[in-house]
Amino acid sequence: MSERFTTVLMVAPALVLAAGSFLRSAPGEWSQGALLAWAAISLSFLAGQTTTLPAWIGLTLGFVAIAVGGVPALVGLCVVYLSAVTASLLGVLPIPWVAAAGLALACGLGSLRDLVH
């Protein structure tokens, strides 16, 4: 899969879910929960493209985020994605940094739902 296709495939739904999390009542909460699940699965997918140790770390962090849930998990995933962007730009992780940056943006936006409502 090309880097551009991977980026579009992972970031576009995340940004739509982040925008949906600003809806009122249940649809906003559902969008926020779906964003958390999508971001955790995307982390596992991105990490799975690397060597064994980062793949296990990404999978574990994805499961921990789902277990924690809510805003703390979205903030945690935002930090993890920003760390992945830094590691990718430094050449430590061979993942598309644009995808990680887009997912960090989506997680950050989704975590702001409680401040708006």
PDB file of N, CA and C in Angstrom:
ATOM      1  N   MET A   1       0.849  -1.169   0.000  1.00  0.00           N
ATOM      2  CA  MET A   1       0.000   0.000   0.000  1.00  0.00           C
ATOM      3  C   MET A   1       0.899   1.237   0.000  1.00  0.00           C
ATOM      4  N   SER A   2       0.559   2.191  -0.839  1.00  0.00           N
ATOM      5  CA  SER A   2       1.392   3.378  -0.922  1.00  0.00           C
ATOM      6  C   SER A   2       1.191   4.264   0.302  1.00  0.00           C
ATOM      7  N   GLU A   3       2.176   5.118   0.533  1.00  0.00           N
ATOM      8  CA  GLU A   3       2.122   6.008   1.692  1.00  0.00           C
ATOM      9  C   GLU A   3       0.956   6.987   1.596  1.00  0.00           C
ATOM     10  N   ARG A   4       0.685   7.489   0.414  1.00  0.00           N
ATOM     11  CA  ARG A   4      -0.414   8.443   0.225  1.00  0.00           C
ATOM     12  C   ARG A   4      -1.768   7.767   0.473  1.00  0.00           C
ATOM     13  N   PHE A   5      -1.940   6.550  -0.046  1.00  0.00           N
ATOM     14  CA  PHE A   5      -3.196   5.827   0.151  1.00  0.00           C
ATOM     15  C   PHE A   5      -3.386   5.496   1.628  1.00  0.00           C
ATOM     16  N   THR A   6      -2.329   5.084   2.314  1.00  0.00           N
ATOM     17  CA  THR A   6      -2.402   4.800   3.748  1.00  0.00           C
ATOM     18  C   THR A   6      -2.811   6.042   4.515  1.00  0.00           C
ATOM     19  N   THR A   7      -2.239   7.165   4.171  1.00  0.00           N
ATOM     20  CA  THR A   7      -2.560   8.415   4.860  1.00  0.00           C
ATOM     21  C   THR A   7      -4.028   8.781   4.673  1.00  0.00           C
ATOM     22  N   VAL A   8      -4.501   8.733   3.448  1.00  0.00           N
ATOM     23  CA  VAL A   8      -5.897   9.085   3.183  1.00  0.00           C
ATOM     24  C   VAL A   8      -6.835   8.094   3.856  1.00  0.00           C
ATOM     25  N   LEU A   9      -6.507   6.820   3.791  1.00  0.00           N
ATOM     26  CA  LEU A   9      -7.348   5.779   4.368  1.00  0.00           C
ATOM     27  C   LEU A   9      -7.495   5.910   5.880  1.00  0.00           C
ATOM     28  N   MET A  10      -6.459   6.355   6.551  1.00  0.00           N
ATOM     29  CA  MET A  10      -6.518   6.455   8.009  1.00  0.00           C
ATOM     30  C   MET A  10      -6.938   7.834   8.499  1.00  0.00           C
ATOM     31  N   VAL A  11      -6.505   8.885   7.839  1.00  0.00           N
ATOM     32  CA  VAL A  11      -6.734  10.234   8.360  1.00  0.00           C
ATOM     33  C   VAL A  11      -8.125  10.767   8.020  1.00  0.00           C
ATOM     34  N   ALA A  12      -8.620  10.502   6.826  1.00  0.00           N
ATOM     35  CA  ALA A  12      -9.925  11.050   6.426  1.00  0.00           C
ATOM     36  C   ALA A  12     -11.054  10.609   7.362  1.00  0.00           C
ATOM     37  N   PRO A  13     -11.207   9.308   7.659  1.00  0.00           N
ATOM     38  CA  PRO A  13     -12.269   8.931   8.605  1.00  0.00           C
ATOM     39  C   PRO A  13     -12.050   9.504  10.004  1.00  0.00           C
ATOM     40  N   ALA A  14     -10.800   9.607  10.416  1.00  0.00           N
ATOM     41  CA  ALA A  14     -10.520  10.156  11.746  1.00  0.00           C
ATOM     42  C   ALA A  14     -10.936  11.614  11.834  1.00  0.00           C
ATOM     43  N   LEU A  15     -10.679  12.376  10.787  1.00  0.00           N
ATOM     44  CA  LEU A  15     -11.078  13.786  10.802  1.00  0.00           C
ATOM     45  C   LEU A  15     -12.597  13.942  10.736  1.00  0.00           C
ATOM     46  N   VAL A  16     -13.274  13.058  10.001  1.00  0.00           N
ATOM     47  CA  VAL A  16     -14.733  13.096   9.962  1.00  0.00           C
ATOM     48  C   VAL A  16     -15.300  12.766  11.345  1.00  0.00           C
ATOM     49  N   LEU A  17     -14.741  11.769  11.999  1.00  0.00           N
ATOM     50  CA  LEU A  17     -15.197  11.411  13.347  1.00  0.00           C
ATOM     51  C   LEU A  17     -14.883  12.516  14.353  1.00  0.00           C
ATOM     52  N   ALA A  18     -13.738  13.175  14.199  1.00  0.00           N
ATOM     53  CA  ALA A  18     -13.402  14.293  15.084  1.00  0.00           C
ATOM     54  C   ALA A  18     -14.389  15.430  14.909  1.00  0.00           C
ATOM     55  N   ALA A  19     -14.775  15.717  13.666  1.00  0.00           N
ATOM     56  CA  ALA A  19     -15.774  16.756  13.429  1.00  0.00           C
ATOM     57  C   ALA A  19     -17.131  16.333  13.992  1.00  0.00           C
ATOM     58  N   GLY A  20     -17.460  15.056  13.853  1.00  0.00           N
ATOM     59  CA  GLY A  20     -18.718  14.549  14.396  1.00  0.00           C
ATOM     60  C   GLY A  20     -18.779  14.556  15.907  1.00  0.00           C
ATOM     61  N   SER A  21     -17.630  14.539  16.546  1.00  0.00           N
ATOM     62  CA  SER A  21     -17.631  14.542  18.013  1.00  0.00           C
ATOM     63  C   SER A  21     -18.111  15.875  18.582  1.00  0.00           C
ATOM     64  N   PHE A  22     -18.173  16.915  17.754  1.00  0.00           N
ATOM     65  CA  PHE A  22     -18.676  18.204  18.228  1.00  0.00           C
ATOM     66  C   PHE A  22     -20.198  18.308  18.151  1.00  0.00           C
ATOM     67  N   LEU A  23     -20.847  17.260  17.630  1.00  0.00           N
ATOM     68  CA  LEU A  23     -22.309  17.250  17.635  1.00  0.00           C
ATOM     69  C   LEU A  23     -22.810  17.129  19.065  1.00  0.00           C
ATOM     70  N   ARG A  24     -23.995  17.569  19.295  1.00  0.00           N
ATOM     71  CA  ARG A  24     -24.572  17.516  20.628  1.00  0.00           C
ATOM     72  C   ARG A  24     -25.076  16.117  20.958  1.00  0.00           C
ATOM     73  N   SER A  25     -25.155  15.820  22.225  1.00  0.00           N
ATOM     74  CA  SER A  25     -25.780  14.630  22.779  1.00  0.00           C
ATOM     75  C   SER A  25     -25.117  13.337  22.288  1.00  0.00           C
ATOM     76  N   ALA A  26     -25.940  12.317  22.065  1.00  0.00           N
ATOM     77  CA  ALA A  26     -25.428  10.983  21.777  1.00  0.00           C
ATOM     78  C   ALA A  26     -24.600  10.889  20.495  1.00  0.00           C
ATOM     79  N   PRO A  27     -25.006  11.505  19.380  1.00  0.00           N
ATOM     80  CA  PRO A  27     -24.165  11.368  18.184  1.00  0.00           C
ATOM     81  C   PRO A  27     -22.732  11.877  18.383  1.00  0.00           C
ATOM     82  N   GLY A  28     -22.571  12.933  19.141  1.00  0.00           N
ATOM     83  CA  GLY A  28     -21.233  13.436  19.424  1.00  0.00           C
ATOM     84  C   GLY A  28     -20.426  12.481  20.288  1.00  0.00           C
ATOM     85  N   GLU A  29     -21.095  11.896  21.282  1.00  0.00           N
ATOM     86  CA  GLU A  29     -20.411  10.924  22.141  1.00  0.00           C
ATOM     87  C   GLU A  29     -20.043   9.671  21.357  1.00  0.00           C
ATOM     88  N   TRP A  30     -20.929   9.238  20.480  1.00  0.00           N
ATOM     89  CA  TRP A  30     -20.639   8.060  19.656  1.00  0.00           C
ATOM     90  C   TRP A  30     -19.482   8.341  18.706  1.00  0.00           C
ATOM     91  N   SER A  31     -19.472   9.514  18.129  1.00  0.00           N
ATOM     92  CA  SER A  31     -18.367   9.870  17.228  1.00  0.00           C
ATOM     93  C   SER A  31     -17.049   9.917  17.979  1.00  0.00           C
ATOM     94  N   GLN A  32     -17.076  10.435  19.196  1.00  0.00           N
ATOM     95  CA  GLN A  32     -15.857  10.491  19.997  1.00  0.00           C
ATOM     96  C   GLN A  32     -15.364   9.080  20.339  1.00  0.00           C
ATOM     97  N   GLY A  33     -16.301   8.196  20.685  1.00  0.00           N
ATOM     98  CA  GLY A  33     -15.928   6.806  20.969  1.00  0.00           C
ATOM     99  C   GLY A  33     -15.413   6.086  19.731  1.00  0.00           C
ATOM    100  N   ALA A  34     -16.044   6.341  18.587  1.00  0.00           N
ATOM    101  CA  ALA A  34     -15.585   5.730  17.339  1.00  0.00           C
ATOM    102  C   ALA A  34     -14.212   6.268  16.939  1.00  0.00           C
ATOM    103  N   LEU A  35     -13.978   7.551  17.195  1.00  0.00           N
ATOM    104  CA  LEU A  35     -12.663   8.135  16.920  1.00  0.00           C
ATOM    105  C   LEU A  35     -11.592   7.460  17.769  1.00  0.00           C
ATOM    106  N   LEU A  36     -11.897   7.220  19.015  1.00  0.00           N
ATOM    107  CA  LEU A  36     -10.938   6.534  19.894  1.00  0.00           C
ATOM    108  C   LEU A  36     -10.616   5.152  19.346  1.00  0.00           C
ATOM    109  N   ALA A  37     -11.633   4.406  18.966  1.00  0.00           N
ATOM    110  CA  ALA A  37     -11.402   3.063  18.424  1.00  0.00           C
ATOM    111  C   ALA A  37     -10.618   3.126  17.115  1.00  0.00           C
ATOM    112  N   TRP A  38     -10.987   4.063  16.238  1.00  0.00           N
ATOM    113  CA  TRP A  38     -10.293   4.194  14.955  1.00  0.00           C
ATOM    114  C   TRP A  38      -8.826   4.577  15.158  1.00  0.00           C
ATOM    115  N   ALA A  39      -8.570   5.498  16.073  1.00  0.00           N
ATOM    116  CA  ALA A  39      -7.188   5.936  16.317  1.00  0.00           C
ATOM    117  C   ALA A  39      -6.353   4.814  16.933  1.00  0.00           C
ATOM    118  N   ALA A  40      -6.961   4.015  17.801  1.00  0.00           N
ATOM    119  CA  ALA A  40      -6.226   2.900  18.408  1.00  0.00           C
ATOM    120  C   ALA A  40      -5.908   1.828  17.369  1.00  0.00           C
ATOM    121  N   ILE A  41      -6.864   1.522  16.513  1.00  0.00           N
ATOM    122  CA  ILE A  41      -6.624   0.534  15.465  1.00  0.00           C
ATOM    123  C   ILE A  41      -5.597   1.061  14.459  1.00  0.00           C
ATOM    124  N   SER A  42      -5.681   2.338  14.135  1.00  0.00           N
ATOM    125  CA  SER A  42      -4.725   2.928  13.205  1.00  0.00           C
ATOM    126  C   SER A  42      -3.311   2.910  13.777  1.00  0.00           C
ATOM    127  N   LEU A  43      -3.199   3.119  15.086  1.00  0.00           N
ATOM    128  CA  LEU A  43      -1.883   3.034  15.725  1.00  0.00           C
ATOM    129  C   LEU A  43      -1.322   1.628  15.583  1.00  0.00           C
ATOM    130  N   SER A  44      -2.152   0.635  15.797  1.00  0.00           N
ATOM    131  CA  SER A  44      -1.702  -0.742  15.637  1.00  0.00           C
ATOM    132  C   SER A  44      -1.289  -1.020  14.196  1.00  0.00           C
ATOM    133  N   PHE A  45      -2.038  -0.479  13.234  1.00  0.00           N
ATOM    134  CA  PHE A  45      -1.697  -0.678  11.830  1.00  0.00           C
ATOM    135  C   PHE A  45      -0.381   0.003  11.471  1.00  0.00           C
ATOM    136  N   LEU A  46      -0.217   1.255  11.892  1.00  0.00           N
ATOM    137  CA  LEU A  46       1.028   1.966  11.590  1.00  0.00           C
ATOM    138  C   LEU A  46       2.226   1.284  12.229  1.00  0.00           C
ATOM    139  N   ALA A  47       2.070   0.886  13.474  1.00  0.00           N
ATOM    140  CA  ALA A  47       3.177   0.231  14.168  1.00  0.00           C
ATOM    141  C   ALA A  47       3.470  -1.137  13.569  1.00  0.00           C
ATOM    142  N   GLY A  48       2.457  -1.790  13.022  1.00  0.00           N
ATOM    143  CA  GLY A  48       2.653  -3.099  12.413  1.00  0.00           C
ATOM    144  C   GLY A  48       3.488  -3.055  11.155  1.00  0.00           C
ATOM    145  N   GLN A  49       3.679  -1.894  10.574  1.00  0.00           N
ATOM    146  CA  GLN A  49       4.507  -1.752   9.382  1.00  0.00           C
ATOM    147  C   GLN A  49       5.991  -1.686   9.725  1.00  0.00           C
ATOM    148  N   THR A  50       6.312  -1.646  11.000  1.00  0.00           N
ATOM    149  CA  THR A  50       7.708  -1.527  11.430  1.00  0.00           C
ATOM    150  C   THR A  50       8.218  -2.886  11.888  1.00  0.00           C
ATOM    151  N   THR A  51       9.287  -2.858  12.657  1.00  0.00           N
ATOM    152  CA  THR A  51       9.853  -4.101  13.175  1.00  0.00           C
ATOM    153  C   THR A  51       9.016  -4.631  14.342  1.00  0.00           C
ATOM    154  N   THR A  52       9.404  -5.737  14.890  1.00  0.00           N
ATOM    155  CA  THR A  52       8.601  -6.442  15.884  1.00  0.00           C
ATOM    156  C   THR A  52       8.371  -5.641  17.155  1.00  0.00           C
ATOM    157  N   LEU A  53       9.390  -5.043  17.735  1.00  0.00           N
ATOM    158  CA  LEU A  53       9.228  -4.332  19.000  1.00  0.00           C
ATOM    159  C   LEU A  53       8.289  -3.130  18.890  1.00  0.00           C
ATOM    160  N   PRO A  54       8.460  -2.229  17.913  1.00  0.00           N
ATOM    161  CA  PRO A  54       7.488  -1.136  17.803  1.00  0.00           C
ATOM    162  C   PRO A  54       6.074  -1.632  17.495  1.00  0.00           C
ATOM    163  N   ALA A  55       5.957  -2.742  16.782  1.00  0.00           N
ATOM    164  CA  ALA A  55       4.632  -3.293  16.498  1.00  0.00           C
ATOM    165  C   ALA A  55       3.951  -3.740  17.784  1.00  0.00           C
ATOM    166  N   TRP A  56       4.684  -4.386  18.649  1.00  0.00           N
ATOM    167  CA  TRP A  56       4.109  -4.820  19.938  1.00  0.00           C
ATOM    168  C   TRP A  56       3.773  -3.627  20.821  1.00  0.00           C
ATOM    169  N   ILE A  57       4.630  -2.635  20.812  1.00  0.00           N
ATOM    170  CA  ILE A  57       4.366  -1.429  21.614  1.00  0.00           C
ATOM    171  C   ILE A  57       3.124  -0.716  21.099  1.00  0.00           C
ATOM    172  N   GLY A  58       2.997  -0.569  19.783  1.00  0.00           N
ATOM    173  CA  GLY A  58       1.818   0.078  19.213  1.00  0.00           C
ATOM    174  C   GLY A  58       0.545  -0.683  19.505  1.00  0.00           C
ATOM    175  N   LEU A  59       0.582  -1.993  19.392  1.00  0.00           N
ATOM    176  CA  LEU A  59      -0.586  -2.814  19.690  1.00  0.00           C
ATOM    177  C   LEU A  59      -0.972  -2.705  21.157  1.00  0.00           C
ATOM    178  N   THR A  60       0.015  -2.733  22.041  1.00  0.00           N
ATOM    179  CA  THR A  60      -0.254  -2.612  23.477  1.00  0.00           C
ATOM    180  C   THR A  60      -0.823  -1.242  23.821  1.00  0.00           C
ATOM    181  N   LEU A  61      -0.240  -0.181  23.265  1.00  0.00           N
ATOM    182  CA  LEU A  61      -0.758   1.164  23.538  1.00  0.00           C
ATOM    183  C   LEU A  61      -2.174   1.351  22.995  1.00  0.00           C
ATOM    184  N   GLY A  62      -2.483   0.717  21.867  1.00  0.00           N
ATOM    185  CA  GLY A  62      -3.831   0.776  21.329  1.00  0.00           C
ATOM    186  C   GLY A  62      -4.836   0.114  22.255  1.00  0.00           C
ATOM    187  N   PHE A  63      -4.486  -1.048  22.800  1.00  0.00           N
ATOM    188  CA  PHE A  63      -5.371  -1.740  23.741  1.00  0.00           C
ATOM    189  C   PHE A  63      -5.515  -0.962  25.044  1.00  0.00           C
ATOM    190  N   VAL A  64      -4.436  -0.372  25.502  1.00  0.00           N
ATOM    191  CA  VAL A  64      -4.505   0.431  26.734  1.00  0.00           C
ATOM    192  C   VAL A  64      -5.409   1.643  26.518  1.00  0.00           C
ATOM    193  N   ALA A  65      -5.305   2.286  25.367  1.00  0.00           N
ATOM    194  CA  ALA A  65      -6.156   3.444  25.083  1.00  0.00           C
ATOM    195  C   ALA A  65      -7.627   3.053  25.072  1.00  0.00           C
ATOM    196  N   ILE A  66      -7.945   1.926  24.470  1.00  0.00           N
ATOM    197  CA  ILE A  66      -9.334   1.478  24.454  1.00  0.00           C
ATOM    198  C   ILE A  66      -9.805   1.137  25.858  1.00  0.00           C
ATOM    199  N   ALA A  67      -8.920   0.545  26.662  1.00  0.00           N
ATOM    200  CA  ALA A  67      -9.297   0.192  28.035  1.00  0.00           C
ATOM    201  C   ALA A  67      -9.523   1.431  28.892  1.00  0.00           C
ATOM    202  N   VAL A  68      -8.710   2.454  28.712  1.00  0.00           N
ATOM    203  CA  VAL A  68      -8.853   3.685  29.495  1.00  0.00           C
ATOM    204  C   VAL A  68     -10.096   4.449  29.033  1.00  0.00           C
ATOM    205  N   GLY A  69     -10.218   4.665  27.741  1.00  0.00           N
ATOM    206  CA  GLY A  69     -11.384   5.304  27.154  1.00  0.00           C
ATOM    207  C   GLY A  69     -11.488   6.788  27.437  1.00  0.00           C
ATOM    208  N   GLY A  70     -12.378   7.442  26.694  1.00  0.00           N
ATOM    209  CA  GLY A  70     -12.693   8.849  26.914  1.00  0.00           C
ATOM    210  C   GLY A  70     -11.595   9.811  26.522  1.00  0.00           C
ATOM    211  N   VAL A  71     -11.696  10.984  27.119  1.00  0.00           N
ATOM    212  CA  VAL A  71     -10.764  12.075  26.816  1.00  0.00           C
ATOM    213  C   VAL A  71      -9.321  11.737  27.202  1.00  0.00           C
ATOM    214  N   PRO A  72      -9.070  11.110  28.370  1.00  0.00           N
ATOM    215  CA  PRO A  72      -7.669  10.791  28.681  1.00  0.00           C
ATOM    216  C   PRO A  72      -7.010   9.893  27.634  1.00  0.00           C
ATOM    217  N   ALA A  73      -7.776   8.969  27.077  1.00  0.00           N
ATOM    218  CA  ALA A  73      -7.217   8.088  26.055  1.00  0.00           C
ATOM    219  C   ALA A  73      -6.934   8.851  24.769  1.00  0.00           C
ATOM    220  N   LEU A  74      -7.828   9.767  24.385  1.00  0.00           N
ATOM    221  CA  LEU A  74      -7.591  10.564  23.185  1.00  0.00           C
ATOM    222  C   LEU A  74      -6.372  11.471  23.339  1.00  0.00           C
ATOM    223  N   VAL A  75      -6.217  12.056  24.513  1.00  0.00           N
ATOM    224  CA  VAL A  75      -5.040  12.894  24.767  1.00  0.00           C
ATOM    225  C   VAL A  75      -3.778  12.032  24.741  1.00  0.00           C
ATOM    226  N   GLY A  76      -3.854  10.856  25.339  1.00  0.00           N
ATOM    227  CA  GLY A  76      -2.712   9.939  25.328  1.00  0.00           C
ATOM    228  C   GLY A  76      -2.337   9.516  23.914  1.00  0.00           C
ATOM    229  N   LEU A  77      -3.354   9.204  23.100  1.00  0.00           N
ATOM    230  CA  LEU A  77      -3.074   8.844  21.712  1.00  0.00           C
ATOM    231  C   LEU A  77      -2.497  10.020  20.936  1.00  0.00           C
ATOM    232  N   CYS A  78      -2.954  11.224  21.237  1.00  0.00           N
ATOM    233  CA  CYS A  78      -2.404  12.416  20.587  1.00  0.00           C
ATOM    234  C   CYS A  78      -0.912  12.534  20.898  1.00  0.00           C
ATOM    235  N   VAL A  79      -0.542  12.312  22.137  1.00  0.00           N
ATOM    236  CA  VAL A  79       0.870  12.377  22.538  1.00  0.00           C
ATOM    237  C   VAL A  79       1.675  11.268  21.853  1.00  0.00           C
ATOM    238  N   VAL A  80       1.099  10.068  21.800  1.00  0.00           N
ATOM    239  CA  VAL A  80       1.793   8.951  21.148  1.00  0.00           C
ATOM    240  C   VAL A  80       2.006   9.243  19.662  1.00  0.00           C
ATOM    241  N   TYR A  81       0.978   9.775  19.003  1.00  0.00           N
ATOM    242  CA  TYR A  81       1.115  10.099  17.580  1.00  0.00           C
ATOM    243  C   TYR A  81       2.116  11.221  17.355  1.00  0.00           C
ATOM    244  N   LEU A  82       2.141  12.221  18.219  1.00  0.00           N
ATOM    245  CA  LEU A  82       3.132  13.289  18.070  1.00  0.00           C
ATOM    246  C   LEU A  82       4.545  12.742  18.276  1.00  0.00           C
ATOM    247  N   SER A  83       4.700  11.806  19.206  1.00  0.00           N
ATOM    248  CA  SER A  83       5.997  11.146  19.391  1.00  0.00           C
ATOM    249  C   SER A  83       6.378  10.334  18.152  1.00  0.00           C
ATOM    250  N   ALA A  84       5.371   9.685  17.541  1.00  0.00           N
ATOM    251  CA  ALA A  84       5.636   8.910  16.328  1.00  0.00           C
ATOM    252  C   ALA A  84       6.029   9.825  15.171  1.00  0.00           C
ATOM    253  N   VAL A  85       5.419  11.006  15.097  1.00  0.00           N
ATOM    254  CA  VAL A  85       5.803  11.970  14.058  1.00  0.00           C
ATOM    255  C   VAL A  85       7.264  12.367  14.240  1.00  0.00           C
ATOM    256  N   THR A  86       7.633  12.663  15.465  1.00  0.00           N
ATOM    257  CA  THR A  86       9.020  13.047  15.745  1.00  0.00           C
ATOM    258  C   THR A  86       9.980  11.915  15.392  1.00  0.00           C
ATOM    259  N   ALA A  87       9.644  10.698  15.807  1.00  0.00           N
ATOM    260  CA  ALA A  87      10.514   9.556  15.518  1.00  0.00           C
ATOM    261  C   ALA A  87      10.591   9.283  14.020  1.00  0.00           C
ATOM    262  N   SER A  88       9.497   9.482  13.322  1.00  0.00           N
ATOM    263  CA  SER A  88       9.504   9.273  11.874  1.00  0.00           C
ATOM    264  C   SER A  88      10.355  10.318  11.163  1.00  0.00           C
ATOM    265  N   LEU A  89      10.232  11.579  11.584  1.00  0.00           N
ATOM    266  CA  LEU A  89      11.034  12.634  10.963  1.00  0.00           C
ATOM    267  C   LEU A  89      12.526  12.475  11.254  1.00  0.00           C
ATOM    268  N   LEU A  90      12.848  11.880  12.403  1.00  0.00           N
ATOM    269  CA  LEU A  90      14.247  11.624  12.732  1.00  0.00           C
ATOM    270  C   LEU A  90      14.788  10.360  12.078  1.00  0.00           C
ATOM    271  N   GLY A  91      13.895   9.590  11.433  1.00  0.00           N
ATOM    272  CA  GLY A  91      14.317   8.368  10.762  1.00  0.00           C
ATOM    273  C   GLY A  91      14.358   7.144  11.645  1.00  0.00           C
ATOM    274  N   VAL A  92      13.807   7.232  12.850  1.00  0.00           N
ATOM    275  CA  VAL A  92      13.816   6.094  13.764  1.00  0.00           C
ATOM    276  C   VAL A  92      12.705   5.101  13.422  1.00  0.00           C
ATOM    277  N   LEU A  93      11.522   5.606  13.077  1.00  0.00           N
ATOM    278  CA  LEU A  93      10.387   4.754  12.711  1.00  0.00           C
ATOM    279  C   LEU A  93      10.069   4.934  11.221  1.00  0.00           C
ATOM    280  N   PRO A  94       9.960   3.839  10.494  1.00  0.00           N
ATOM    281  CA  PRO A  94       9.639   3.956   9.060  1.00  0.00           C
ATOM    282  C   PRO A  94       8.127   3.976   8.815  1.00  0.00           C
ATOM    283  N   ILE A  95       7.456   4.995   9.338  1.00  0.00           N
ATOM    284  CA  ILE A  95       6.014   5.136   9.134  1.00  0.00           C
ATOM    285  C   ILE A  95       5.756   6.470   8.436  1.00  0.00           C
ATOM    286  N   PRO A  96       4.611   6.600   7.763  1.00  0.00           N
ATOM    287  CA  PRO A  96       4.300   7.888   7.132  1.00  0.00           C
ATOM    288  C   PRO A  96       4.008   8.951   8.189  1.00  0.00           C
ATOM    289  N   TRP A  97       4.858   9.956   8.264  1.00  0.00           N
ATOM    290  CA  TRP A  97       4.704  10.959   9.318  1.00  0.00           C
ATOM    291  C   TRP A  97       3.451  11.798   9.109  1.00  0.00           C
ATOM    292  N   VAL A  98       3.009  11.948   7.872  1.00  0.00           N
ATOM    293  CA  VAL A  98       1.809  12.736   7.594  1.00  0.00           C
ATOM    294  C   VAL A  98       0.580  12.042   8.190  1.00  0.00           C
ATOM    295  N   ALA A  99       0.537  10.724   8.086  1.00  0.00           N
ATOM    296  CA  ALA A  99      -0.584   9.970   8.666  1.00  0.00           C
ATOM    297  C   ALA A  99      -0.597  10.122  10.185  1.00  0.00           C
ATOM    298  N   ALA A 100       0.570  10.015  10.798  1.00  0.00           N
ATOM    299  CA  ALA A 100       0.641  10.162  12.256  1.00  0.00           C
ATOM    300  C   ALA A 100       0.267  11.578  12.682  1.00  0.00           C
ATOM    301  N   ALA A 101       0.674  12.570  11.909  1.00  0.00           N
ATOM    302  CA  ALA A 101       0.325  13.961  12.242  1.00  0.00           C
ATOM    303  C   ALA A 101      -1.172  14.205  12.091  1.00  0.00           C
ATOM    304  N   GLY A 102      -1.777  13.656  11.045  1.00  0.00           N
ATOM    305  CA  GLY A 102      -3.215  13.797  10.861  1.00  0.00           C
ATOM    306  C   GLY A 102      -4.009  13.118  11.960  1.00  0.00           C
ATOM    307  N   LEU A 103      -3.552  11.953  12.384  1.00  0.00           N
ATOM    308  CA  LEU A 103      -4.234  11.248  13.471  1.00  0.00           C
ATOM    309  C   LEU A 103      -4.046  11.971  14.802  1.00  0.00           C
ATOM    310  N   ALA A 104      -2.887  12.587  14.998  1.00  0.00           N
ATOM    311  CA  ALA A 104      -2.680  13.388  16.214  1.00  0.00           C
ATOM    312  C   ALA A 104      -3.629  14.578  16.225  1.00  0.00           C
ATOM    313  N   LEU A 105      -3.795  15.210  15.073  1.00  0.00           N
ATOM    314  CA  LEU A 105      -4.724  16.332  14.965  1.00  0.00           C
ATOM    315  C   LEU A 105      -6.155  15.888  15.271  1.00  0.00           C
ATOM    316  N   ALA A 106      -6.567  14.756  14.704  1.00  0.00           N
ATOM    317  CA  ALA A 106      -7.923  14.253  14.934  1.00  0.00           C
ATOM    318  C   ALA A 106      -8.148  13.915  16.407  1.00  0.00           C
ATOM    319  N   CYS A 107      -7.174  13.281  17.041  1.00  0.00           N
ATOM    320  CA  CYS A 107      -7.312  12.948  18.468  1.00  0.00           C
ATOM    321  C   CYS A 107      -7.367  14.216  19.314  1.00  0.00           C
ATOM    322  N   GLY A 108      -6.545  15.190  18.969  1.00  0.00           N
ATOM    323  CA  GLY A 108      -6.563  16.447  19.703  1.00  0.00           C
ATOM    324  C   GLY A 108      -7.890  17.167  19.562  1.00  0.00           C
ATOM    325  N   LEU A 109      -8.433  17.194  18.343  1.00  0.00           N
ATOM    326  CA  LEU A 109      -9.730  17.835  18.137  1.00  0.00           C
ATOM    327  C   LEU A 109     -10.841  17.078  18.850  1.00  0.00           C
ATOM    328  N   GLY A 110     -10.805  15.757  18.792  1.00  0.00           N
ATOM    329  CA  GLY A 110     -11.832  14.955  19.458  1.00  0.00           C
ATOM    330  C   GLY A 110     -11.820  15.100  20.960  1.00  0.00           C
ATOM    331  N   SER A 111     -10.652  15.358  21.530  1.00  0.00           N
ATOM    332  CA  SER A 111     -10.575  15.520  22.985  1.00  0.00           C
ATOM    333  C   SER A 111     -11.123  16.851  23.456  1.00  0.00           C
ATOM    334  N   LEU A 112     -11.339  17.782  22.536  1.00  0.00           N
ATOM    335  CA  LEU A 112     -11.860  19.104  22.903  1.00  0.00           C
ATOM    336  C   LEU A 112     -13.381  19.127  23.056  1.00  0.00           C
ATOM    337  N   ARG A 113     -14.046  18.022  22.808  1.00  0.00           N
ATOM    338  CA  ARG A 113     -15.504  17.972  22.846  1.00  0.00           C
ATOM    339  C   ARG A 113     -16.058  18.446  24.192  1.00  0.00           C
ATOM    340  N   ASP A 114     -15.461  18.016  25.275  1.00  0.00           N
ATOM    341  CA  ASP A 114     -15.969  18.379  26.613  1.00  0.00           C
ATOM    342  C   ASP A 114     -15.821  19.868  26.900  1.00  0.00           C
ATOM    343  N   LEU A 115     -14.854  20.516  26.257  1.00  0.00           N
ATOM    344  CA  LEU A 115     -14.701  21.956  26.456  1.00  0.00           C
ATOM    345  C   LEU A 115     -15.792  22.743  25.723  1.00  0.00           C
ATOM    346  N   VAL A 116     -16.282  22.179  24.619  1.00  0.00           N
ATOM    347  CA  VAL A 116     -17.291  22.873  23.820  1.00  0.00           C
ATOM    348  C   VAL A 116     -18.679  22.670  24.395  1.00  0.00           C
ATOM    349  N   HIS A 117     -18.953  21.474  24.893  1.00  0.00           N
ATOM    350  CA  HIS A 117     -20.312  21.181  25.387  1.00  0.00           C
ATOM    351  C   HIS A 117     -20.340  21.139  26.879  1.00  0.00           C
TER     352      HIS A 117
END
